[in-house]
Amino acid sequence: MFGLGVPELLIILAILVLLFGASRLADLGGSMGRGIREFRRGLRDEDAQAGTENKESK
């Protein structure tokens, strides 16, 4: 993974916690999770619409 091992990732995580604080990182992680979930839901909805349009055109 980009030449980063576990010790390097732990150091980066520790620096992020020191810079932003644990609560702010938790909020950021939650926001990113919600964004990814909405993105996936949008893709599923788009695929479903494309599937129904293909069935209607046949």
N, C-alpha and C. Protein backbone atom coordinates (compact mmCIF):
# COMPACT_ATOMS: atom_id res chain seq x y z
N MET A 1 0.85 -1.18 0.00
CA MET A 1 0.00 0.00 0.00
C MET A 1 0.89 1.24 0.00
N PHE A 2 1.36 1.64 -1.13
CA PHE A 2 2.19 2.82 -1.32
C PHE A 2 3.49 2.74 -0.53
N GLY A 3 3.93 1.55 -0.22
CA GLY A 3 5.17 1.39 0.52
C GLY A 3 5.07 1.78 1.98
N LEU A 4 3.87 1.90 2.50
CA LEU A 4 3.68 2.25 3.91
C LEU A 4 3.33 1.00 4.69
N GLY A 5 4.03 0.77 5.74
CA GLY A 5 3.73 -0.35 6.61
C GLY A 5 2.88 0.08 7.78
N VAL A 6 2.62 -0.85 8.66
CA VAL A 6 1.79 -0.58 9.83
C VAL A 6 2.41 0.49 10.73
N PRO A 7 3.72 0.43 11.01
CA PRO A 7 4.29 1.47 11.89
C PRO A 7 4.16 2.89 11.32
N GLU A 8 4.34 3.00 10.01
CA GLU A 8 4.22 4.33 9.39
C GLU A 8 2.78 4.84 9.47
N LEU A 9 1.82 3.94 9.22
CA LEU A 9 0.42 4.35 9.30
C LEU A 9 0.02 4.76 10.71
N LEU A 10 0.55 4.06 11.71
CA LEU A 10 0.27 4.43 13.10
C LEU A 10 0.85 5.79 13.45
N ILE A 11 2.04 6.08 12.95
CA ILE A 11 2.65 7.40 13.19
C ILE A 11 1.81 8.49 12.54
N ILE A 12 1.36 8.26 11.31
CA ILE A 12 0.53 9.24 10.62
C ILE A 12 -0.78 9.45 11.38
N LEU A 13 -1.38 8.38 11.85
CA LEU A 13 -2.62 8.49 12.63
C LEU A 13 -2.40 9.27 13.91
N ALA A 14 -1.28 9.02 14.59
CA ALA A 14 -0.98 9.75 15.83
C ALA A 14 -0.81 11.24 15.55
N ILE A 15 -0.15 11.58 14.47
CA ILE A 15 0.05 13.00 14.11
C ILE A 15 -1.31 13.65 13.82
N LEU A 16 -2.19 12.94 13.09
CA LEU A 16 -3.51 13.49 12.80
C LEU A 16 -4.32 13.72 14.07
N VAL A 17 -4.23 12.79 15.01
CA VAL A 17 -4.95 12.95 16.27
C VAL A 17 -4.41 14.16 17.03
N LEU A 18 -3.11 14.34 17.02
CA LEU A 18 -2.52 15.50 17.70
C LEU A 18 -2.93 16.81 17.04
N LEU A 19 -2.99 16.82 15.72
CA LEU A 19 -3.34 18.05 15.00
C LEU A 19 -4.82 18.41 15.12
N PHE A 20 -5.69 17.43 14.95
CA PHE A 20 -7.11 17.73 14.86
C PHE A 20 -7.91 17.34 16.08
N GLY A 21 -7.43 16.44 16.86
CA GLY A 21 -8.20 15.96 18.02
C GLY A 21 -9.05 14.77 17.64
N ALA A 22 -9.28 13.90 18.58
CA ALA A 22 -9.99 12.65 18.32
C ALA A 22 -11.44 12.89 17.93
N SER A 23 -12.12 13.83 18.58
CA SER A 23 -13.54 14.05 18.28
C SER A 23 -13.73 14.60 16.87
N ARG A 24 -12.84 15.49 16.46
CA ARG A 24 -12.97 16.05 15.12
C ARG A 24 -12.69 14.99 14.06
N LEU A 25 -11.72 14.10 14.32
CA LEU A 25 -11.45 13.01 13.39
C LEU A 25 -12.64 12.06 13.31
N ALA A 26 -13.30 11.81 14.44
CA ALA A 26 -14.49 10.95 14.43
C ALA A 26 -15.60 11.59 13.61
N ASP A 27 -15.79 12.88 13.74
CA ASP A 27 -16.80 13.58 12.95
C ASP A 27 -16.47 13.51 11.46
N LEU A 28 -15.21 13.69 11.14
CA LEU A 28 -14.77 13.63 9.75
C LEU A 28 -15.00 12.23 9.18
N GLY A 29 -14.68 11.21 9.95
CA GLY A 29 -14.89 9.84 9.50
C GLY A 29 -16.37 9.54 9.28
N GLY A 30 -17.20 10.03 10.16
CA GLY A 30 -18.64 9.84 10.00
C GLY A 30 -19.17 10.54 8.77
N SER A 31 -18.69 11.74 8.53
CA SER A 31 -19.12 12.48 7.34
C SER A 31 -18.67 11.78 6.07
N MET A 32 -17.46 11.27 6.07
CA MET A 32 -16.98 10.55 4.90
C MET A 32 -17.80 9.28 4.67
N GLY A 33 -18.14 8.58 5.73
CA GLY A 33 -18.96 7.39 5.62
C GLY A 33 -20.33 7.68 5.04
N ARG A 34 -20.95 8.77 5.51
CA ARG A 34 -22.26 9.15 4.98
C ARG A 34 -22.14 9.54 3.50
N GLY A 35 -21.08 10.23 3.14
CA GLY A 35 -20.89 10.61 1.75
C GLY A 35 -20.71 9.41 0.84
N ILE A 36 -19.94 8.44 1.28
CA ILE A 36 -19.73 7.22 0.50
C ILE A 36 -21.04 6.45 0.36
N ARG A 37 -21.80 6.38 1.46
CA ARG A 37 -23.09 5.69 1.43
C ARG A 37 -24.04 6.35 0.43
N GLU A 38 -24.11 7.68 0.42
CA GLU A 38 -24.97 8.40 -0.52
C GLU A 38 -24.50 8.18 -1.96
N PHE A 39 -23.21 8.16 -2.17
CA PHE A 39 -22.65 7.93 -3.50
C PHE A 39 -23.07 6.55 -4.01
N ARG A 40 -22.93 5.53 -3.17
CA ARG A 40 -23.31 4.18 -3.57
C ARG A 40 -24.81 4.08 -3.84
N ARG A 41 -25.60 4.74 -3.01
CA ARG A 41 -27.04 4.74 -3.22
C ARG A 41 -27.39 5.39 -4.55
N GLY A 42 -26.71 6.46 -4.89
CA GLY A 42 -26.93 7.12 -6.17
C GLY A 42 -26.55 6.22 -7.34
N LEU A 43 -25.47 5.49 -7.21
CA LEU A 43 -25.07 4.56 -8.27
C LEU A 43 -26.12 3.47 -8.45
N ARG A 44 -26.61 2.92 -7.33
CA ARG A 44 -27.64 1.87 -7.41
C ARG A 44 -28.91 2.40 -8.08
N ASP A 45 -29.32 3.61 -7.71
CA ASP A 45 -30.52 4.19 -8.30
C ASP A 45 -30.34 4.42 -9.79
N GLU A 46 -29.15 4.87 -10.18
CA GLU A 46 -28.87 5.11 -11.59
C GLU A 46 -28.88 3.81 -12.37
N ASP A 47 -28.31 2.74 -11.80
CA ASP A 47 -28.31 1.44 -12.46
C ASP A 47 -29.74 0.92 -12.59
N ALA A 48 -30.55 1.12 -11.57
CA ALA A 48 -31.94 0.65 -11.60
C ALA A 48 -32.71 1.40 -12.69
N GLN A 49 -32.49 2.69 -12.82
CA GLN A 49 -33.17 3.47 -13.85
C GLN A 49 -32.72 3.03 -15.24
N ALA A 50 -31.44 2.78 -15.41
CA ALA A 50 -30.93 2.34 -16.70
C ALA A 50 -31.50 0.97 -17.06
N GLY A 51 -31.66 0.10 -16.07
CA GLY A 51 -32.23 -1.21 -16.31
C GLY A 51 -33.68 -1.15 -16.75
N THR A 52 -34.46 -0.27 -16.13
CA THR A 52 -35.87 -0.16 -16.51
C THR A 52 -36.00 0.51 -17.87
N GLU A 53 -35.13 1.44 -18.22
CA GLU A 53 -35.18 2.08 -19.53
C GLU A 53 -34.83 1.09 -20.62
N ASN A 54 -33.88 0.20 -20.37
CA ASN A 54 -33.51 -0.81 -21.36
C ASN A 54 -34.65 -1.79 -21.58
N LYS A 55 -35.37 -2.18 -20.51
CA LYS A 55 -36.48 -3.11 -20.63
C LYS A 55 -37.63 -2.46 -21.40
N GLU A 56 -37.87 -1.17 -21.19
CA GLU A 56 -38.96 -0.48 -21.85
C GLU A 56 -38.68 -0.30 -23.34
N SER A 57 -37.42 -0.14 -23.71
CA SER A 57 -37.09 0.11 -25.11
C SER A 57 -37.14 -1.15 -25.96
N LYS A 58 -37.17 -2.33 -25.33
CA LYS A 58 -37.19 -3.59 -26.10
C LYS A 58 -38.56 -3.93 -26.55
